Structure formats: C-alpha cells, structure tokens
Amino acid sequence: MMIYYPDPYIKIYIKDLENGEKTDISKLVSGKSERNRWSFNPSMLIQYSKCLAAKVDTDGSMAGTFAITYDIWVKVNTRFRRRLYDPDKDMLTAEWGLFSKTDWVLPPLPDYWEMRDKKMEMIYKFNETVFRFQADLPGYTDVIRLDNKTDLTIGVIKGRISLEDPVLSKNTTLEEGESFQLPPREQFLVHTISDEPSYISISQPMDRKFERYLKAVEAKENGEDPDGELMKEFSRDDKDVYRFDQLIDDRKKQKETPFGPSWTWDGFVVFIKTKIFLFKHGMIYAFAAIRSILGGKSFEEYAKSSKTYFG
C-alpha cells in the first residue's frame, strides 16, 4: 500500500469540432478539493466527461459537434509536477479497459531520486525564492502563463527545451544547467525537444507578501487568529498564494516525512505506523463493503461500527 498526496492542476476545455476553437471551462466546473480525485483515475475521468457532456448538451441536439479535452497535471508527494493524459484526446470517444492498452494515458516519468533531491536542495539553498517544478515528456508542449511578470526565470535541471516567444516569434533553446530570464509576456510555450523527459524550474524572488502570508497561515494553525483577519488580504484566486502553498507544503513534507536516501529513523517509524493504520483501515472498509453486498444493508451502517470510520 502506497501513501501518496496528489495535488492536481486541472484545465478542462470544450472544443468545437467544426472550427477547432477551445473554450476553457475549468473555473465553472472544477475546484481544488478531494473531489478532484477523478482527475487522476482514467475510468472516473471518462465517467466525469460523460456527465459533463450531459450538462452541456441537455437534449442531445449537439451530439458529435463538440469534444471534451483535459490538460491535467499532478504533483505526488515531493515529485515534480507532470502531465497525466494526452491533452488533445477527446474523452467522449476515449476507451478504457482493465486489460487493454490505453494510449491516451501517458507513461510515468523515470523516478530520478537525484531530481527529487535536487529540487529540495534548491528550495533550501535559495530560501528567498519561490519555485515551481515540473517535468514533461519528449515531444509535448506546455503553456507557461506569466501575466506580464518581469521577475521570472526558467531553468533546465535535466533534458533540453525550446522556449517559444509568441510576441517575437522567436525560439530559445536551453540545455541542462542553463537558465533564462523571461521577459514580460502573457505566456510562453515550452517544448521538450530532448530524447528524455525535461525537468525544469520556474522561479521568482520572494517579497514581503510571502512573509505576511506565512505569518497568517501560522497564526491560523496556532489558533491566534480565529477570525482570519490576517488572511483577508489573500484571495483564493491569487496565483501567488498557490505558489506559496506549494512551497510551504514541500517544506513540511520534507521535514516531517522525508523520502529516499535522506530518510531519518523517526521518519521511518512514522511511515511504518501510518502504513499499518491505513492497511487496517482499508481492510475494515473492505470487510464492511462485503458485508453490505451480502447482508443487504448500507455500507455506512457496517462501516460506522468501526472506530476508524470518518464519514
């Protein structure tokens, strides 16, 4: 049993099959919550797409005129963020089977321990810098949205990329170990042109806004600001807040439950205890599900008899 903490980034598009135009509907139907677990489960993704299509086309008159595509990335534990599915695949025509090959589900990236260690090394070494780390497969392109910020730098940790400037119609190639100060643009296109996956960082110097946010988070966690006065400055849609959360989350996980060669004895003991608890918890729920099927009563009725029930 594997303990993991998925953090998905989801973009959902309705594509007009006649003219190829895409409409981003992410904010209308999706939010960052546990309910987004469908985004990293292929069979659930197809079911979700069918339900979404029924909402878009209530009477069936638009059948075959539109597609639903996704650009879904996920960060698991302290790994790099990576894309999960082919962003051009229409999920209304996609097929999935337990024993069949699913070509629109992208293969996992090589799990380089050195990449994870390098990431944490950069976070601690440059502690006055906010980082975003991601990896992509050869031949794929990602859109990096800058919102005309002037202090962002992109660096290549492994692989090779081509940066496409949509304003100057110019491409800049970056090799491993190289970086590039991004000029103010709405967005850049990042093409992975190496034969192996690319691992990149996008960094920005911190300002006092992060310090204020960190203070607000700590005050809330310690019960020193029950009314959330310090947090009122920060909007849920603020992209800076999202990056701050990622940085705080990375630091906490590395400190509390280190992974790989840097594992401590205390971290190992906590890891084993958590594994045992989750295994026991899973077995209790599985037994409750079997009893529900055989006994005819609801799953909740059996599960609530367990002290570990969280419903």
C-alpha atoms as a PDB file:
ATOM      1  CA  MET A   1       0.000   0.000   0.000  1.00  0.00           C
ATOM      2  CA  MET A   2       1.474   3.318  -1.078  1.00  0.00           C
ATOM      3  CA  ILE A   3       0.950   6.558   0.823  1.00  0.00           C
ATOM      4  CA  TYR A   4       0.625   9.443  -1.593  1.00  0.00           C
ATOM      5  CA  TYR A   5      -0.555  13.046  -1.626  1.00  0.00           C
ATOM      6  CA  PRO A   6      -1.788  14.009  -5.108  1.00  0.00           C
ATOM      7  CA  ASP A   7      -2.060  17.684  -5.962  1.00  0.00           C
ATOM      8  CA  PRO A   8      -3.785  18.016  -9.360  1.00  0.00           C
ATOM      9  CA  TYR A   9      -3.763  21.016 -11.685  1.00  0.00           C
ATOM     10  CA  ILE A  10      -6.786  20.807 -13.978  1.00  0.00           C
ATOM     11  CA  LYS A  11      -7.755  22.561 -17.186  1.00  0.00           C
ATOM     12  CA  ILE A  12     -10.985  21.492 -18.910  1.00  0.00           C
ATOM     13  CA  TYR A  13     -11.866  22.506 -22.468  1.00  0.00           C
ATOM     14  CA  ILE A  14     -14.930  22.284 -24.659  1.00  0.00           C
ATOM     15  CA  LYS A  15     -13.723  22.009 -28.255  1.00  0.00           C
ATOM     16  CA  ASP A  16     -15.884  22.942 -31.230  1.00  0.00           C
ATOM     17  CA  LEU A  17     -15.269  20.178 -33.779  1.00  0.00           C
ATOM     18  CA  GLU A  18     -16.248  22.417 -36.695  1.00  0.00           C
ATOM     19  CA  ASN A  19     -13.727  25.212 -36.210  1.00  0.00           C
ATOM     20  CA  GLY A  20     -11.377  23.669 -33.623  1.00  0.00           C
ATOM     21  CA  GLU A  21     -11.916  26.513 -31.139  1.00  0.00           C
ATOM     22  CA  LYS A  22     -11.392  25.621 -27.464  1.00  0.00           C
ATOM     23  CA  THR A  23     -13.215  27.178 -24.513  1.00  0.00           C
ATOM     24  CA  ASP A  24     -11.712  26.873 -21.037  1.00  0.00           C
ATOM     25  CA  ILE A  25     -14.483  25.936 -18.583  1.00  0.00           C
ATOM     26  CA  SER A  26     -12.230  24.897 -15.677  1.00  0.00           C
ATOM     27  CA  LYS A  27     -13.417  27.521 -13.223  1.00  0.00           C
ATOM     28  CA  LEU A  28     -17.057  26.698 -13.935  1.00  0.00           C
ATOM     29  CA  VAL A  29     -16.900  23.030 -13.060  1.00  0.00           C
ATOM     30  CA  SER A  30     -13.766  22.348 -11.025  1.00  0.00           C
ATOM     31  CA  GLY A  31     -12.144  23.416  -7.789  1.00  0.00           C
ATOM     32  CA  LYS A  32      -9.159  22.275  -5.759  1.00  0.00           C
ATOM     33  CA  SER A  33     -10.592  19.684  -3.378  1.00  0.00           C
ATOM     34  CA  GLU A  34     -10.666  15.985  -2.569  1.00  0.00           C
ATOM     35  CA  ARG A  35     -13.488  15.666  -5.094  1.00  0.00           C
ATOM     36  CA  ASN A  36     -10.914  16.121  -7.832  1.00  0.00           C
ATOM     37  CA  ARG A  37      -9.655  12.567  -7.337  1.00  0.00           C
ATOM     38  CA  TRP A  38     -11.480  11.722 -10.593  1.00  0.00           C
ATOM     39  CA  SER A  39      -8.791  13.666 -12.433  1.00  0.00           C
ATOM     40  CA  PHE A  40      -6.082  11.055 -11.835  1.00  0.00           C
ATOM     41  CA  ASN A  41      -8.256   7.965 -12.363  1.00  0.00           C
ATOM     42  CA  PRO A  42      -8.796   7.151 -16.089  1.00  0.00           C
ATOM     43  CA  SER A  43     -12.100   5.284 -15.684  1.00  0.00           C
ATOM     44  CA  MET A  44     -13.513   8.025 -13.445  1.00  0.00           C
ATOM     45  CA  LEU A  45     -12.311  10.655 -15.923  1.00  0.00           C
ATOM     46  CA  ILE A  46     -14.395   9.074 -18.686  1.00  0.00           C
ATOM     47  CA  GLN A  47     -17.450   8.890 -16.435  1.00  0.00           C
ATOM     48  CA  TYR A  48     -16.955  12.510 -15.383  1.00  0.00           C
ATOM     49  CA  SER A  49     -16.709  13.542 -19.048  1.00  0.00           C
ATOM     50  CA  LYS A  50     -19.997  11.847 -19.907  1.00  0.00           C
ATOM     51  CA  CYS A  51     -21.747  13.602 -17.022  1.00  0.00           C
ATOM     52  CA  LEU A  52     -20.232  16.915 -18.098  1.00  0.00           C
ATOM     53  CA  ALA A  53     -21.360  16.346 -21.703  1.00  0.00           C
ATOM     54  CA  ALA A  54     -24.913  15.722 -20.485  1.00  0.00           C
ATOM     55  CA  LYS A  55     -24.834  19.106 -18.727  1.00  0.00           C
ATOM     56  CA  VAL A  56     -23.558  20.844 -21.850  1.00  0.00           C
ATOM     57  CA  ASP A  57     -25.999  19.115 -24.211  1.00  0.00           C
ATOM     58  CA  THR A  58     -29.162  18.535 -22.203  1.00  0.00           C
ATOM     59  CA  ASP A  59     -31.380  17.468 -25.114  1.00  0.00           C
ATOM     60  CA  GLY A  60     -28.808  15.650 -27.246  1.00  0.00           C
ATOM     61  CA  SER A  61     -29.091  18.054 -30.160  1.00  0.00           C
ATOM     62  CA  MET A  62     -25.340  18.839 -30.119  1.00  0.00           C
ATOM     63  CA  ALA A  63     -24.143  15.234 -30.241  1.00  0.00           C
ATOM     64  CA  GLY A  64     -20.982  14.893 -32.317  1.00  0.00           C
ATOM     65  CA  THR A  65     -20.395  18.645 -32.597  1.00  0.00           C
ATOM     66  CA  PHE A  66     -18.097  19.113 -29.591  1.00  0.00           C
ATOM     67  CA  ALA A  67     -15.305  17.347 -27.744  1.00  0.00           C
ATOM     68  CA  ILE A  68     -14.088  17.498 -24.149  1.00  0.00           C
ATOM     69  CA  THR A  69     -10.341  17.586 -23.589  1.00  0.00           C
ATOM     70  CA  TYR A  70      -8.211  17.947 -20.459  1.00  0.00           C
ATOM     71  CA  ASP A  71      -4.810  19.299 -19.609  1.00  0.00           C
ATOM     72  CA  ILE A  72      -4.253  17.620 -16.258  1.00  0.00           C
ATOM     73  CA  TRP A  73      -1.024  17.709 -14.293  1.00  0.00           C
ATOM     74  CA  VAL A  74      -0.396  16.217 -10.879  1.00  0.00           C
ATOM     75  CA  LYS A  75       2.291  16.515  -8.227  1.00  0.00           C
ATOM     76  CA  VAL A  76       2.588  13.479  -5.957  1.00  0.00           C
ATOM     77  CA  ASN A  77       4.457  13.812  -2.669  1.00  0.00           C
ATOM     78  CA  THR A  78       7.753  15.600  -3.370  1.00  0.00           C
ATOM     79  CA  ARG A  79       7.955  14.653  -7.048  1.00  0.00           C
ATOM     80  CA  PHE A  80       7.877  17.058  -9.970  1.00  0.00           C
ATOM     81  CA  ARG A  81       4.528  18.054 -11.406  1.00  0.00           C
ATOM     82  CA  ARG A  82       3.789  16.064 -14.595  1.00  0.00           C
ATOM     83  CA  ARG A  83       1.009  15.707 -17.131  1.00  0.00           C
ATOM     84  CA  LEU A  84      -1.212  12.616 -16.972  1.00  0.00           C
ATOM     85  CA  TYR A  85      -3.128  12.449 -20.263  1.00  0.00           C
ATOM     86  CA  ASP A  86      -2.858  13.351 -23.924  1.00  0.00           C
ATOM     87  CA  PRO A  87      -4.196  16.952 -23.936  1.00  0.00           C
ATOM     88  CA  ASP A  88      -5.659  16.520 -27.444  1.00  0.00           C
ATOM     89  CA  LYS A  89      -7.666  13.368 -26.717  1.00  0.00           C
ATOM     90  CA  ASP A  90     -11.465  13.706 -26.824  1.00  0.00           C
ATOM     91  CA  MET A  91     -12.656  11.989 -23.648  1.00  0.00           C
ATOM     92  CA  LEU A  92     -16.122  11.483 -25.141  1.00  0.00           C
ATOM     93  CA  THR A  93     -14.655   8.993 -27.620  1.00  0.00           C
ATOM     94  CA  ALA A  94     -11.858   7.650 -25.421  1.00  0.00           C
ATOM     95  CA  GLU A  95     -11.884   3.992 -24.478  1.00  0.00           C
ATOM     96  CA  TRP A  96     -10.571   2.423 -21.317  1.00  0.00           C
ATOM     97  CA  GLY A  97     -10.340  -1.212 -20.268  1.00  0.00           C
ATOM     98  CA  LEU A  98      -8.736  -3.000 -17.361  1.00  0.00           C
ATOM     99  CA  PHE A  99      -6.834  -5.397 -19.643  1.00  0.00           C
ATOM    100  CA  SER A 100      -6.381  -3.229 -22.727  1.00  0.00           C
ATOM    101  CA  LYS A 101      -3.785  -0.637 -23.636  1.00  0.00           C
ATOM    102  CA  THR A 102      -4.900   2.955 -23.109  1.00  0.00           C
ATOM    103  CA  ASP A 103      -2.780   5.113 -25.375  1.00  0.00           C
ATOM    104  CA  TRP A 104      -4.100   8.444 -24.071  1.00  0.00           C
ATOM    105  CA  VAL A 105      -2.778   7.779 -20.552  1.00  0.00           C
ATOM    106  CA  LEU A 106       0.840   8.935 -20.602  1.00  0.00           C
ATOM    107  CA  PRO A 107       3.559   6.681 -19.150  1.00  0.00           C
ATOM    108  CA  PRO A 108       5.116   7.574 -15.809  1.00  0.00           C
ATOM    109  CA  LEU A 109       8.303   9.588 -15.832  1.00  0.00           C
ATOM    110  CA  PRO A 110      11.548   7.965 -14.699  1.00  0.00           C
ATOM    111  CA  ASP A 111      11.687   8.349 -10.929  1.00  0.00           C
ATOM    112  CA  TYR A 112      15.042  10.052 -10.628  1.00  0.00           C
ATOM    113  CA  TRP A 113      15.985  10.266  -6.961  1.00  0.00           C
ATOM    114  CA  GLU A 114      18.556  12.867  -7.903  1.00  0.00           C
ATOM    115  CA  MET A 115      15.803  15.071  -9.337  1.00  0.00           C
ATOM    116  CA  ARG A 116      13.807  14.989  -6.130  1.00  0.00           C
ATOM    117  CA  ASP A 117      16.919  15.640  -4.061  1.00  0.00           C
ATOM    118  CA  LYS A 118      17.922  18.449  -6.425  1.00  0.00           C
ATOM    119  CA  LYS A 119      14.506  20.036  -6.019  1.00  0.00           C
ATOM    120  CA  MET A 120      14.692  20.084  -2.218  1.00  0.00           C
ATOM    121  CA  GLU A 121      18.311  21.243  -2.358  1.00  0.00           C
ATOM    122  CA  MET A 122      17.288  24.248  -4.475  1.00  0.00           C
ATOM    123  CA  ILE A 123      14.351  25.093  -2.195  1.00  0.00           C
ATOM    124  CA  TYR A 124      16.560  25.209   0.905  1.00  0.00           C
ATOM    125  CA  LYS A 125      19.565  26.805  -0.752  1.00  0.00           C
ATOM    126  CA  PHE A 126      17.583  29.614  -2.339  1.00  0.00           C
ATOM    127  CA  ASN A 127      15.162  30.162   0.530  1.00  0.00           C
ATOM    128  CA  GLU A 128      14.312  33.650  -0.676  1.00  0.00           C
ATOM    129  CA  THR A 129      12.984  32.271  -3.942  1.00  0.00           C
ATOM    130  CA  VAL A 130       9.636  30.733  -4.858  1.00  0.00           C
ATOM    131  CA  PHE A 131       9.955  27.725  -7.172  1.00  0.00           C
ATOM    132  CA  ARG A 132       7.632  25.724  -9.356  1.00  0.00           C
ATOM    133  CA  PHE A 133       8.992  22.403 -10.579  1.00  0.00           C
ATOM    134  CA  GLN A 134       7.612  20.326 -13.407  1.00  0.00           C
ATOM    135  CA  ALA A 135       8.597  17.622 -15.873  1.00  0.00           C
ATOM    136  CA  ASP A 136       7.308  16.735 -19.305  1.00  0.00           C
ATOM    137  CA  LEU A 137       7.707  14.006 -21.897  1.00  0.00           C
ATOM    138  CA  PRO A 138       9.588  14.407 -25.191  1.00  0.00           C
ATOM    139  CA  GLY A 139       7.501  15.958 -27.959  1.00  0.00           C
ATOM    140  CA  TYR A 140       4.993  17.688 -25.698  1.00  0.00           C
ATOM    141  CA  THR A 141       4.379  21.406 -25.221  1.00  0.00           C
ATOM    142  CA  ASP A 142       3.242  23.298 -22.134  1.00  0.00           C
ATOM    143  CA  VAL A 143       1.913  26.842 -21.881  1.00  0.00           C
ATOM    144  CA  ILE A 144       3.607  28.847 -19.120  1.00  0.00           C
ATOM    145  CA  ARG A 145       1.389  31.780 -18.156  1.00  0.00           C
ATOM    146  CA  LEU A 146       3.338  34.789 -16.903  1.00  0.00           C
ATOM    147  CA  ASP A 147       0.683  37.519 -16.681  1.00  0.00           C
ATOM    148  CA  ASN A 148       3.370  40.021 -17.753  1.00  0.00           C
ATOM    149  CA  LYS A 149       5.501  39.493 -14.651  1.00  0.00           C
ATOM    150  CA  THR A 150       9.073  40.673 -15.001  1.00  0.00           C
ATOM    151  CA  ASP A 151      10.981  38.632 -12.408  1.00  0.00           C
ATOM    152  CA  LEU A 152      10.508  35.023 -13.542  1.00  0.00           C
ATOM    153  CA  THR A 153      13.397  32.757 -14.518  1.00  0.00           C
ATOM    154  CA  ILE A 154      13.157  29.339 -16.162  1.00  0.00           C
ATOM    155  CA  GLY A 155      15.933  26.813 -15.614  1.00  0.00           C
ATOM    156  CA  VAL A 156      16.590  23.348 -17.026  1.00  0.00           C
ATOM    157  CA  ILE A 157      17.592  20.747 -14.443  1.00  0.00           C
ATOM    158  CA  LYS A 158      17.626  17.838 -16.885  1.00  0.00           C
ATOM    159  CA  GLY A 159      16.865  17.438 -20.586  1.00  0.00           C
ATOM    160  CA  ARG A 160      16.537  20.145 -23.236  1.00  0.00           C
ATOM    161  CA  ILE A 161      13.702  22.567 -24.022  1.00  0.00           C
ATOM    162  CA  SER A 162      12.803  25.176 -26.629  1.00  0.00           C
ATOM    163  CA  LEU A 163      11.140  28.368 -25.385  1.00  0.00           C
ATOM    164  CA  GLU A 164       8.767  29.906 -27.906  1.00  0.00           C
ATOM    165  CA  ASP A 165       8.112  33.634 -27.545  1.00  0.00           C
ATOM    166  CA  PRO A 166       4.678  34.304 -29.107  1.00  0.00           C
ATOM    167  CA  VAL A 167       5.381  38.056 -29.355  1.00  0.00           C
ATOM    168  CA  LEU A 168       8.735  37.933 -31.143  1.00  0.00           C
ATOM    169  CA  SER A 169       8.020  34.582 -32.856  1.00  0.00           C
ATOM    170  CA  LYS A 170      11.439  33.507 -31.624  1.00  0.00           C
ATOM    171  CA  ASN A 171      12.633  30.256 -30.059  1.00  0.00           C
ATOM    172  CA  THR A 172      15.373  29.947 -27.439  1.00  0.00           C
ATOM    173  CA  THR A 173      16.945  26.552 -26.733  1.00  0.00           C
ATOM    174  CA  LEU A 174      18.041  25.749 -23.185  1.00  0.00           C
ATOM    175  CA  GLU A 175      20.286  22.826 -22.273  1.00  0.00           C
ATOM    176  CA  GLU A 176      20.733  21.147 -18.907  1.00  0.00           C
ATOM    177  CA  GLY A 177      22.065  23.616 -16.321  1.00  0.00           C
ATOM    178  CA  GLU A 178      21.092  26.705 -18.329  1.00  0.00           C
ATOM    179  CA  SER A 179      18.527  29.335 -17.332  1.00  0.00           C
ATOM    180  CA  PHE A 180      16.764  32.240 -18.980  1.00  0.00           C
ATOM    181  CA  GLN A 181      15.234  35.434 -17.578  1.00  0.00           C
ATOM    182  CA  LEU A 182      11.749  35.587 -19.059  1.00  0.00           C
ATOM    183  CA  PRO A 183      10.663  38.970 -20.460  1.00  0.00           C
ATOM    184  CA  PRO A 184       7.165  40.220 -19.562  1.00  0.00           C
ATOM    185  CA  ARG A 185       4.655  38.271 -21.621  1.00  0.00           C
ATOM    186  CA  GLU A 186       1.187  36.869 -21.172  1.00  0.00           C
ATOM    187  CA  GLN A 187       2.587  33.399 -21.804  1.00  0.00           C
ATOM    188  CA  PHE A 188       5.442  31.315 -23.212  1.00  0.00           C
ATOM    189  CA  LEU A 189       5.363  27.916 -24.902  1.00  0.00           C
ATOM    190  CA  VAL A 190       7.770  25.297 -23.558  1.00  0.00           C
ATOM    191  CA  HIS A 191       8.614  22.462 -25.975  1.00  0.00           C
ATOM    192  CA  THR A 192      10.510  19.408 -24.713  1.00  0.00           C
ATOM    193  CA  ILE A 193      12.933  18.625 -27.545  1.00  0.00           C
ATOM    194  CA  SER A 194      15.288  16.176 -25.820  1.00  0.00           C
ATOM    195  CA  ASP A 195      15.026  12.414 -26.200  1.00  0.00           C
ATOM    196  CA  GLU A 196      14.459  12.128 -22.461  1.00  0.00           C
ATOM    197  CA  PRO A 197      11.945  13.934 -20.226  1.00  0.00           C
ATOM    198  CA  SER A 198      12.674  17.546 -19.342  1.00  0.00           C
ATOM    199  CA  TYR A 199      12.852  18.676 -15.715  1.00  0.00           C
ATOM    200  CA  ILE A 200      12.541  22.425 -15.274  1.00  0.00           C
ATOM    201  CA  SER A 201      12.125  25.054 -12.583  1.00  0.00           C
ATOM    202  CA  ILE A 202      10.320  28.377 -12.788  1.00  0.00           C
ATOM    203  CA  SER A 203      11.491  30.718 -10.071  1.00  0.00           C
ATOM    204  CA  GLN A 204      10.609  34.128  -8.712  1.00  0.00           C
ATOM    205  CA  PRO A 205      12.182  36.122  -5.840  1.00  0.00           C
ATOM    206  CA  MET A 206      10.030  36.284  -2.743  1.00  0.00           C
ATOM    207  CA  ASP A 207       8.751  39.565  -1.467  1.00  0.00           C
ATOM    208  CA  ARG A 208       7.234  40.510   1.856  1.00  0.00           C
ATOM    209  CA  LYS A 209       3.921  39.239   0.648  1.00  0.00           C
ATOM    210  CA  PHE A 210       5.135  35.693   1.295  1.00  0.00           C
ATOM    211  CA  GLU A 211       6.238  36.651   4.805  1.00  0.00           C
ATOM    212  CA  ARG A 212       2.792  38.100   5.518  1.00  0.00           C
ATOM    213  CA  TYR A 213       1.105  35.011   4.125  1.00  0.00           C
ATOM    214  CA  LEU A 214       3.321  32.672   6.150  1.00  0.00           C
ATOM    215  CA  LYS A 215       2.527  34.664   9.273  1.00  0.00           C
ATOM    216  CA  ALA A 216      -1.204  34.465   8.503  1.00  0.00           C
ATOM    217  CA  VAL A 217      -1.036  30.688   7.963  1.00  0.00           C
ATOM    218  CA  GLU A 218       0.901  30.109  11.189  1.00  0.00           C
ATOM    219  CA  ALA A 219      -1.485  32.320  13.165  1.00  0.00           C
ATOM    220  CA  LYS A 220      -4.463  30.385  11.836  1.00  0.00           C
ATOM    221  CA  GLU A 221      -2.889  26.991  12.588  1.00  0.00           C
ATOM    222  CA  ASN A 222      -1.944  28.082  16.116  1.00  0.00           C
ATOM    223  CA  GLY A 223      -5.405  29.487  16.830  1.00  0.00           C
ATOM    224  CA  GLU A 224      -4.035  33.011  17.232  1.00  0.00           C
ATOM    225  CA  ASP A 225      -6.261  34.450  14.501  1.00  0.00           C
ATOM    226  CA  PRO A 226      -9.660  32.671  14.804  1.00  0.00           C
ATOM    227  CA  ASP A 227     -11.475  35.298  12.721  1.00  0.00           C
ATOM    228  CA  GLY A 228      -8.963  35.089   9.854  1.00  0.00           C
ATOM    229  CA  GLU A 229      -8.199  38.818   9.851  1.00  0.00           C
ATOM    230  CA  LEU A 230      -4.628  38.302   8.633  1.00  0.00           C
ATOM    231  CA  MET A 231      -5.833  36.073   5.786  1.00  0.00           C
ATOM    232  CA  LYS A 232      -8.301  38.610   4.366  1.00  0.00           C
ATOM    233  CA  GLU A 233      -5.538  40.163   2.265  1.00  0.00           C
ATOM    234  CA  PHE A 234      -5.208  36.985   0.221  1.00  0.00           C
ATOM    235  CA  SER A 235      -7.715  35.814  -2.374  1.00  0.00           C
ATOM    236  CA  ARG A 236      -8.259  32.127  -3.217  1.00  0.00           C
ATOM    237  CA  ASP A 237      -7.721  33.004  -6.891  1.00  0.00           C
ATOM    238  CA  ASP A 238      -4.373  34.686  -6.204  1.00  0.00           C
ATOM    239  CA  LYS A 239      -1.706  32.774  -8.179  1.00  0.00           C
ATOM    240  CA  ASP A 240       0.985  33.911  -5.735  1.00  0.00           C
ATOM    241  CA  VAL A 241      -0.902  32.225  -2.913  1.00  0.00           C
ATOM    242  CA  TYR A 242      -0.952  28.974  -4.873  1.00  0.00           C
ATOM    243  CA  ARG A 243       2.847  29.083  -5.237  1.00  0.00           C
ATOM    244  CA  PHE A 244       3.258  29.969  -1.556  1.00  0.00           C
ATOM    245  CA  ASP A 245       1.124  26.975  -0.593  1.00  0.00           C
ATOM    246  CA  GLN A 246       3.273  24.711  -2.754  1.00  0.00           C
ATOM    247  CA  LEU A 247       6.461  25.948  -1.109  1.00  0.00           C
ATOM    248  CA  ILE A 248       5.086  25.593   2.424  1.00  0.00           C
ATOM    249  CA  ASP A 249       3.742  22.138   1.597  1.00  0.00           C
ATOM    250  CA  ASP A 250       7.080  20.976   0.163  1.00  0.00           C
ATOM    251  CA  ARG A 251       8.984  22.163   3.217  1.00  0.00           C
ATOM    252  CA  LYS A 252       6.568  20.487   5.647  1.00  0.00           C
ATOM    253  CA  LYS A 253       6.612  17.149   3.843  1.00  0.00           C
ATOM    254  CA  GLN A 254      10.377  17.103   3.537  1.00  0.00           C
ATOM    255  CA  LYS A 255      10.747  17.865   7.242  1.00  0.00           C
ATOM    256  CA  GLU A 256       8.038  15.573   8.636  1.00  0.00           C
ATOM    257  CA  THR A 257       8.194  12.558   6.299  1.00  0.00           C
ATOM    258  CA  PRO A 258      11.456  12.603   4.338  1.00  0.00           C
ATOM    259  CA  PHE A 259      11.773  10.210   1.405  1.00  0.00           C
ATOM    260  CA  GLY A 260      14.562   8.154  -0.075  1.00  0.00           C
ATOM    261  CA  PRO A 261      18.205   8.293   0.967  1.00  0.00           C
ATOM    262  CA  SER A 262      17.597  11.217   3.353  1.00  0.00           C
ATOM    263  CA  TRP A 263      15.108   9.213   5.441  1.00  0.00           C
ATOM    264  CA  THR A 264      15.604   9.530   9.206  1.00  0.00           C
ATOM    265  CA  TRP A 265      14.829   6.811  11.755  1.00  0.00           C
ATOM    266  CA  ASP A 266      11.951   8.852  13.246  1.00  0.00           C
ATOM    267  CA  GLY A 267      10.560   9.439   9.761  1.00  0.00           C
ATOM    268  CA  PHE A 268      10.788   5.712   9.030  1.00  0.00           C
ATOM    269  CA  VAL A 269       8.909   4.813  12.236  1.00  0.00           C
ATOM    270  CA  VAL A 270       6.154   7.322  11.439  1.00  0.00           C
ATOM    271  CA  PHE A 271       5.953   5.959   7.895  1.00  0.00           C
ATOM    272  CA  ILE A 272       5.543   2.326   9.097  1.00  0.00           C
ATOM    273  CA  LYS A 273       2.930   3.258  11.701  1.00  0.00           C
ATOM    274  CA  THR A 274       0.957   5.182   9.104  1.00  0.00           C
ATOM    275  CA  LYS A 275       1.155   2.251   6.691  1.00  0.00           C
ATOM    276  CA  ILE A 276      -0.164  -0.148   9.337  1.00  0.00           C
ATOM    277  CA  PHE A 277      -3.021   2.190  10.218  1.00  0.00           C
ATOM    278  CA  LEU A 278      -4.032   2.667   6.591  1.00  0.00           C
ATOM    279  CA  PHE A 279      -3.843  -1.078   5.893  1.00  0.00           C
ATOM    280  CA  LYS A 280      -6.030  -1.843   8.913  1.00  0.00           C
ATOM    281  CA  HIS A 281      -8.408   0.942   7.960  1.00  0.00           C
ATOM    282  CA  GLY A 282      -8.636  -0.346   4.373  1.00  0.00           C
ATOM    283  CA  MET A 283      -9.320  -3.924   5.488  1.00  0.00           C
ATOM    284  CA  ILE A 284     -12.119  -2.778   7.790  1.00  0.00           C
ATOM    285  CA  TYR A 285     -13.744  -0.844   4.970  1.00  0.00           C
ATOM    286  CA  ALA A 286     -13.335  -3.768   2.562  1.00  0.00           C
ATOM    287  CA  PHE A 287     -14.986  -6.092   5.082  1.00  0.00           C
ATOM    288  CA  ALA A 288     -17.819  -3.575   5.546  1.00  0.00           C
ATOM    289  CA  ALA A 289     -18.335  -3.447   1.765  1.00  0.00           C
ATOM    290  CA  ILE A 290     -18.527  -7.260   1.541  1.00  0.00           C
ATOM    291  CA  ARG A 291     -20.996  -7.397   4.437  1.00  0.00           C
ATOM    292  CA  SER A 292     -23.063  -4.721   2.704  1.00  0.00           C
ATOM    293  CA  ILE A 293     -23.223  -6.745  -0.513  1.00  0.00           C
ATOM    294  CA  LEU A 294     -24.083  -9.994   1.255  1.00  0.00           C
ATOM    295  CA  GLY A 295     -26.271  -8.603   4.031  1.00  0.00           C
ATOM    296  CA  GLY A 296     -28.277  -6.078   2.055  1.00  0.00           C
ATOM    297  CA  LYS A 297     -27.670  -3.192   4.461  1.00  0.00           C
ATOM    298  CA  SER A 298     -25.884   0.043   3.587  1.00  0.00           C
ATOM    299  CA  PHE A 299     -22.104   0.283   3.613  1.00  0.00           C
ATOM    300  CA  GLU A 300     -22.250   3.171   6.097  1.00  0.00           C
ATOM    301  CA  GLU A 301     -24.183   1.082   8.611  1.00  0.00           C
ATOM    302  CA  TYR A 302     -21.447  -1.517   8.726  1.00  0.00           C
ATOM    303  CA  ALA A 303     -18.573   0.942   8.430  1.00  0.00           C
ATOM    304  CA  LYS A 304     -19.820   3.100  11.297  1.00  0.00           C
ATOM    305  CA  SER A 305     -19.363   0.164  13.631  1.00  0.00           C
ATOM    306  CA  SER A 306     -15.635   0.725  13.184  1.00  0.00           C
ATOM    307  CA  LYS A 307     -13.907   3.348  15.337  1.00  0.00           C
ATOM    308  CA  THR A 308     -11.894   4.345  12.277  1.00  0.00           C
ATOM    309  CA  TYR A 309     -14.927   5.480  10.265  1.00  0.00           C
ATOM    310  CA  PHE A 310     -14.519   9.049   9.016  1.00  0.00           C
ATOM    311  CA  GLY A 311     -17.847   9.568   7.252  1.00  0.00           C
END
